[in-house]
Protein backbone atom coordinates (compact mmCIF):
# COMPACT_ATOMS: atom_id res chain seq x y z
CA MET A 1 118.59 133.17 103.03
CA ARG A 2 115.79 131.78 104.71
CA GLY A 3 112.66 130.81 102.97
CA ARG A 4 109.67 128.45 102.52
CA GLY A 5 109.31 126.26 99.86
CA GLN A 6 108.07 122.67 98.15
CA ILE A 7 109.95 119.61 97.65
CA ARG A 8 109.64 118.81 93.95
CA ARG A 9 111.99 115.80 93.83
CA ILE A 10 114.26 113.48 96.04
CA LEU A 11 117.57 111.86 94.87
CA GLY A 12 119.26 110.02 97.27
CA ASN A 13 119.34 112.12 100.45
CA ILE A 14 119.21 115.40 98.55
CA ASN A 15 115.61 117.31 98.70
CA TYR A 16 115.18 119.74 95.62
CA VAL A 17 113.37 122.58 96.99
CA MET A 18 111.59 124.97 94.87
CA PRO A 19 111.28 128.38 96.95
CA ASP A 20 108.04 130.32 97.26
CA PRO A 21 108.02 132.79 95.65
CA ALA A 22 110.54 131.55 93.16
CA ILE A 23 114.04 132.71 93.12
CA PRO A 24 116.45 132.91 90.18
CA TYR A 25 118.38 129.85 91.60
CA ARG A 26 115.17 127.66 90.88
CA GLU A 27 115.50 124.39 92.70
CA VAL A 28 117.63 124.60 96.09
CA PRO A 29 119.40 121.14 96.73
CA CYS A 30 119.00 120.70 100.40
CA ARG A 31 119.73 118.22 102.88
CA VAL A 32 117.84 117.75 106.18
CA ARG A 33 118.99 119.14 109.38
CA GLY A 34 120.45 116.65 111.67
CA ARG A 35 118.41 117.10 114.71
CA LEU A 36 115.34 116.66 112.53
CA ARG A 37 116.63 113.14 111.18
CA ILE A 38 116.91 111.76 114.68
CA GLN A 39 113.39 112.46 115.71
CA GLU A 40 110.80 109.58 116.00
CA THR A 41 108.29 110.20 113.63
CA GLY A 42 106.74 106.62 112.87
CA GLU A 43 108.23 106.96 109.16
CA THR A 44 111.00 105.89 107.30
CA THR A 45 111.85 109.41 106.18
CA LEU A 46 111.15 112.77 107.30
CA THR A 47 110.35 114.15 103.78
CA CYS A 48 108.60 113.49 100.73
CA VAL A 49 107.89 114.95 97.48
CA GLY A 50 105.09 117.69 98.04
CA ASP A 51 106.03 118.67 101.53
CA TRP A 52 106.21 122.33 102.25
CA VAL A 53 109.48 123.04 104.22
CA GLU A 54 111.24 125.91 105.90
CA PHE A 55 115.06 126.02 104.79
CA ARG A 56 117.86 128.10 104.69
CA TYR A 57 120.50 128.57 101.82
CA ASP A 58 123.47 130.43 101.19
CA PRO A 59 124.13 130.59 97.41
CA GLY A 60 127.48 132.56 97.78
CA LYS A 61 129.03 129.39 99.49
CA GLY A 62 128.20 126.73 97.17
CA GLU A 63 126.99 124.42 99.98
CA LEU A 64 123.52 122.59 100.26
CA GLY A 65 120.96 124.17 101.77
CA LEU A 66 119.46 122.92 104.94
CA ILE A 67 115.76 122.04 105.79
CA GLU A 68 115.01 123.04 109.23
CA ARG A 69 111.19 122.21 109.40
CA VAL A 70 108.67 120.07 107.67
CA LEU A 71 105.31 121.95 107.78
CA PRO A 72 102.12 120.16 108.54
CA ARG A 73 100.68 118.02 105.64
CA GLN A 74 97.14 118.74 104.39
CA SER A 75 97.01 115.19 102.74
CA VAL A 76 99.53 112.33 102.28
CA LEU A 77 99.77 108.86 100.55
CA VAL A 78 101.85 106.26 102.49
CA ARG A 79 102.39 102.57 102.28
CA ARG A 80 103.93 100.36 105.00
CA SER A 81 107.89 99.79 104.65
CA ALA A 82 109.09 96.70 103.61
CA GLY A 83 109.44 93.73 105.87
CA GLU A 84 107.36 93.16 109.15
CA SER A 85 107.77 96.84 110.29
CA ILE A 86 104.68 99.20 111.00
CA LYS A 87 106.69 102.45 109.89
CA ALA A 88 105.37 104.34 107.18
CA ASP A 89 106.80 104.96 103.87
CA PRO A 90 105.63 108.44 102.64
CA ILE A 91 105.08 108.71 98.76
CA VAL A 92 103.66 112.24 98.34
CA ALA A 93 102.28 115.09 100.43
CA ASN A 94 100.11 117.65 99.86
CA ALA A 95 98.19 116.25 96.63
CA ASP A 96 94.65 116.99 95.83
CA GLN A 97 93.93 113.81 94.31
CA LEU A 98 95.33 110.29 93.34
CA ALA A 99 94.89 108.77 89.74
CA ILE A 100 95.23 105.01 90.16
CA VAL A 101 96.32 103.83 86.94
CA VAL A 102 95.66 100.19 85.75
CA ALA A 103 95.99 98.26 82.65
CA PRO A 104 96.03 94.62 81.52
CA ALA A 105 99.72 93.85 82.64
CA PRO A 106 98.69 91.08 82.13
CA ASP A 107 95.33 91.44 84.14
CA ILE A 108 93.60 94.03 85.85
CA ARG A 109 93.58 93.21 89.45
CA PRO A 110 90.78 94.84 91.79
CA GLY A 111 92.88 94.20 94.61
CA ILE A 112 95.56 96.82 94.25
CA VAL A 113 92.78 99.46 93.54
CA ASP A 114 91.31 98.40 96.83
CA ARG A 115 94.65 99.04 98.65
CA TYR A 116 95.03 102.36 96.94
CA LEU A 117 91.51 103.58 97.80
CA VAL A 118 91.89 102.83 101.55
CA GLY A 119 95.51 104.58 101.42
CA ALA A 120 93.81 107.65 99.65
CA TYR A 121 90.89 107.87 101.90
CA ALA A 122 92.98 107.39 105.02
CA GLY A 123 95.41 110.04 103.66
CA GLY A 124 92.69 112.63 102.67
CA LEU A 125 92.94 112.22 98.93
CA GLU A 126 90.26 112.07 96.15
CA VAL A 127 90.46 109.16 93.65
CA ILE A 128 90.17 108.64 89.95
CA VAL A 129 90.63 105.20 88.61
CA VAL A 130 92.10 105.44 85.16
CA VAL A 131 91.83 102.23 83.00
CA ASN A 132 94.64 102.84 80.41
CA LYS A 133 95.49 101.03 77.29
CA ILE A 134 91.90 100.93 76.17
CA ASP A 135 93.08 100.30 72.49
CA LEU A 136 94.06 96.69 73.41
CA PRO A 137 91.55 94.13 73.05
CA GLN A 138 91.85 92.59 76.48
CA THR A 139 91.33 95.85 78.20
CA LYS A 140 87.54 95.90 77.55
CA LYS A 141 86.70 93.01 80.10
CA GLY A 142 89.00 94.62 82.58
CA LEU A 143 87.27 98.05 81.98
CA ASP A 144 83.50 96.56 82.60
CA LEU A 145 84.92 94.83 85.79
CA VAL A 146 86.14 98.19 87.12
CA GLN A 147 83.15 100.09 86.50
CA SER A 148 81.06 97.38 87.84
CA ILE A 149 82.96 97.34 91.27
CA TYR A 150 83.87 101.01 91.53
CA GLY A 151 81.17 103.10 89.72
CA PRO A 152 78.52 102.20 92.39
CA LEU A 153 80.99 103.63 95.10
CA GLY A 154 80.95 107.13 93.26
CA THR A 155 84.26 106.60 92.09
CA ARG A 156 85.18 108.34 88.92
CA VAL A 157 86.11 105.83 86.28
CA ILE A 158 88.14 106.93 83.16
CA ALA A 159 88.97 104.90 80.08
CA THR A 160 92.19 106.24 78.33
CA SER A 161 94.45 105.06 75.54
CA ALA A 162 97.97 107.13 76.06
CA LEU A 163 98.85 105.95 72.24
CA TYR A 164 95.56 107.20 70.50
CA GLY A 165 94.55 109.72 73.04
CA ASP A 166 91.20 108.21 73.83
CA GLY A 167 89.53 109.59 77.06
CA CYS A 168 92.75 111.89 77.38
CA MET A 169 90.38 115.36 77.26
CA GLU A 170 88.07 114.14 79.93
CA LEU A 171 91.15 113.13 82.31
CA PHE A 172 92.96 116.59 81.13
CA ARG A 173 89.74 118.16 82.47
CA LEU A 174 89.48 116.30 85.88
CA LEU A 175 93.38 117.16 86.35
CA SER A 176 93.27 120.99 85.50
CA GLY A 177 93.91 123.35 88.48
CA ARG A 178 94.76 120.26 90.71
CA THR A 179 97.83 118.45 92.20
CA THR A 180 97.48 114.80 91.06
CA VAL A 181 99.54 111.87 91.89
CA LEU A 182 99.67 109.01 89.46
CA SER A 183 100.27 105.58 90.75
CA GLY A 184 100.06 101.98 89.91
CA HIS A 185 102.04 98.92 88.73
CA SER A 186 105.08 99.25 86.30
CA GLY A 187 104.02 99.32 82.64
CA VAL A 188 100.41 100.71 83.03
CA GLY A 189 101.45 103.71 81.18
CA LYS A 190 101.65 106.52 83.96
CA SER A 191 104.51 108.53 82.27
CA THR A 192 103.06 107.90 78.67
CA LEU A 193 99.92 109.48 79.89
CA ILE A 194 101.69 112.48 81.50
CA ASN A 195 103.70 112.74 77.95
CA THR A 196 100.42 112.57 75.94
CA LEU A 197 98.54 115.10 78.01
CA TYR A 198 101.00 117.71 78.32
CA GLY A 199 103.72 117.03 75.77
CA LEU A 200 106.54 116.44 78.26
CA ARG A 201 109.32 113.83 77.53
CA ILE A 202 109.42 111.63 80.52
CA ARG A 203 111.40 108.51 79.52
CA THR A 204 109.19 105.47 78.95
CA ARG A 205 110.11 101.91 77.81
CA GLU A 206 108.10 99.25 76.13
CA VAL A 207 106.40 96.60 78.43
CA ARG A 208 107.97 92.97 78.14
CA GLU A 209 106.39 90.00 76.02
CA ASP A 210 104.56 88.84 79.08
CA MET A 211 102.90 92.36 79.43
CA ARG A 212 104.39 93.11 82.72
CA GLY A 213 106.13 96.28 83.17
CA ARG A 214 109.61 97.53 83.14
CA HIS A 215 110.73 99.90 85.82
CA THR A 216 111.49 103.46 84.02
CA THR A 217 110.63 106.12 86.33
CA THR A 218 112.87 105.89 89.05
CA HIS A 219 111.98 108.53 91.35
CA THR A 220 108.92 110.64 92.19
CA GLU A 221 108.81 114.15 90.94
CA MET A 222 106.46 117.00 90.55
CA HIS A 223 105.85 118.57 87.06
CA LYS A 224 104.33 121.83 86.64
CA VAL A 225 101.91 121.52 83.65
CA GLY A 226 99.74 124.43 83.70
CA ASN A 227 98.32 127.24 85.66
CA GLY A 228 97.78 125.55 89.14
CA THR A 229 98.10 122.27 87.76
CA TRP A 230 100.60 119.84 88.89
CA VAL A 231 101.32 116.14 87.96
CA ILE A 232 103.45 113.88 90.12
CA ASP A 233 104.86 110.89 88.33
CA THR A 234 106.01 107.96 90.62
CA PRO A 235 107.84 104.69 90.20
CA GLY A 236 105.71 101.72 89.29
CA ILE A 237 105.40 99.69 92.75
CA ARG A 238 104.93 95.88 93.00
CA SER A 239 103.20 96.09 96.48
CA PHE A 240 101.37 98.64 98.67
CA GLY A 241 101.17 97.80 102.13
CA LEU A 242 98.54 99.16 104.31
CA VAL A 243 99.76 101.19 107.42
CA GLY A 244 98.42 103.64 109.90
CA VAL A 245 94.78 102.17 109.97
CA HIS A 246 93.63 100.31 112.75
CA PRO A 247 91.68 96.97 111.94
CA THR A 248 88.59 97.92 113.69
CA GLU A 249 88.58 101.30 111.94
CA LEU A 250 89.08 99.59 108.38
CA ASP A 251 85.14 99.46 107.39
CA ASP A 252 85.51 103.20 107.56
CA TYR A 253 87.50 103.34 104.31
CA PHE A 254 84.88 100.92 102.58
CA PRO A 255 82.11 103.36 101.64
CA ASP A 256 80.02 100.33 100.08
CA PHE A 257 80.05 98.86 103.72
CA GLY A 258 78.37 102.04 105.00
CA PRO A 259 74.59 101.40 104.73
CA TYR A 260 74.76 97.99 106.24
CA ARG A 261 77.29 98.66 109.15
CA GLY A 262 74.33 99.91 111.50
CA GLU A 263 72.36 96.94 110.87
CA CYS A 264 74.80 94.35 112.17
CA ARG A 265 73.65 92.40 115.47
CA PHE A 266 76.85 93.65 117.41
CA SER A 267 77.77 97.32 117.15
CA ASP A 268 81.42 96.36 117.13
CA CYS A 269 81.09 93.83 114.48
CA THR A 270 84.22 93.27 112.37
CA HIS A 271 82.33 91.60 109.62
CA ARG A 272 84.27 88.38 109.75
CA GLU A 273 82.61 85.57 111.59
CA GLU A 274 80.16 87.33 113.87
CA PRO A 275 76.40 86.13 113.60
CA GLY A 276 73.83 88.62 112.36
CA CYS A 277 76.54 90.56 110.06
CA ALA A 278 74.64 92.75 107.61
CA VAL A 279 77.79 93.35 105.84
CA ARG A 280 78.27 89.55 104.85
CA GLU A 281 74.32 89.33 104.10
CA ALA A 282 74.74 92.04 101.68
CA VAL A 283 77.68 90.26 99.96
CA GLU A 284 75.42 87.37 99.82
CA ALA A 285 72.76 89.32 98.30
CA GLY A 286 75.17 90.76 95.72
CA ALA A 287 74.71 94.22 97.16
CA ILE A 288 78.35 94.36 97.87
CA ALA A 289 81.02 93.14 95.22
CA PRO A 290 82.76 89.81 96.63
CA SER A 291 86.11 91.11 95.55
CA ARG A 292 85.60 94.18 97.73
CA TYR A 293 84.64 91.93 100.62
CA GLU A 294 87.69 89.61 99.94
CA SER A 295 90.04 92.68 99.98
CA TYR A 296 88.57 93.71 103.20
CA LEU A 297 89.24 90.33 105.22
CA GLU A 298 92.71 90.26 103.59
CA PHE A 299 93.48 93.87 104.76
CA PHE A 300 92.19 93.17 108.16
CA ASN A 301 94.26 90.24 108.70
CA GLU A 302 97.42 92.30 107.23
CA LEU A 303 96.64 95.10 109.73
CA ASN A 304 95.95 92.93 112.59
CA GLU A 305 98.98 90.79 112.29
CA VAL A 306 101.57 93.74 112.48
CA LEU A 307 99.96 94.89 115.92
CA PRO A 308 101.60 93.94 119.19
CA GLU A 309 100.13 90.65 120.43
CA TRP A 310 98.24 92.10 123.30
CA GLU A 311 96.54 94.67 120.67
CA ARG A 312 95.44 92.25 118.18
CA VAL A 313 91.70 91.96 117.23
CA ARG A 314 90.47 88.22 118.24
């Protein structure tokens, strides 16, 4: 049998593909064809959850299916692979939107939100910021901070309590009819939110006494939760290194810089030390949040350092 399908989960080297249209065998466990594995793609793996693939499978032989081709992606969320490599580690493909889930674990840090925003914009995903655990008193301060920074960008900010259901109806509406990947640090309540919204039974664990999360979700998996509605649960990640963005293009993914970039004295201004930088003047005037500018400088240096010496921006 030859067909087309979507990867719903990956365990080890096995890709579990749901054929389209679905067949009685449901998920088909597949490996990647050898000649595909040796292709140079600039990524650590050839496939990720959400990929549409062409595969072949013979149920009578009891063997694994074989992925023969990965179809072009409409969107992708990637992070830089571990170490100093500039290879990309794809997390999810073909999602419509990214829900960045944050919570006081122990503090809400804007820097991780900024990283996800750049990754989402570069990968073609829309963004929702979900401030979870609003039932905890320490979350109120974090919610005010998130709304003050990201509300002016036009980013939707939702306050929820997976424990008590606050804000969950609004989030439910935003996820309906779309494919959404939930991502964030361990312990912010991604799996609990999905369970609360859709009555699933994804395993969860209590956070530690220091409010830091414990890893419970061990692999990325798509869940069909309604007609045309999919949610993708991901393991908590401690770092989200940016990749695939050149430092000189980074300001394209900071929409709050947009109104000021054309006012800089130099057309190729990198908004670091150049005189007459309108972006820096906007930061000093309070028109751009200082934390956003700090993230920009951090990301610029990070992206610049992994470039070959001859290509680095001086």
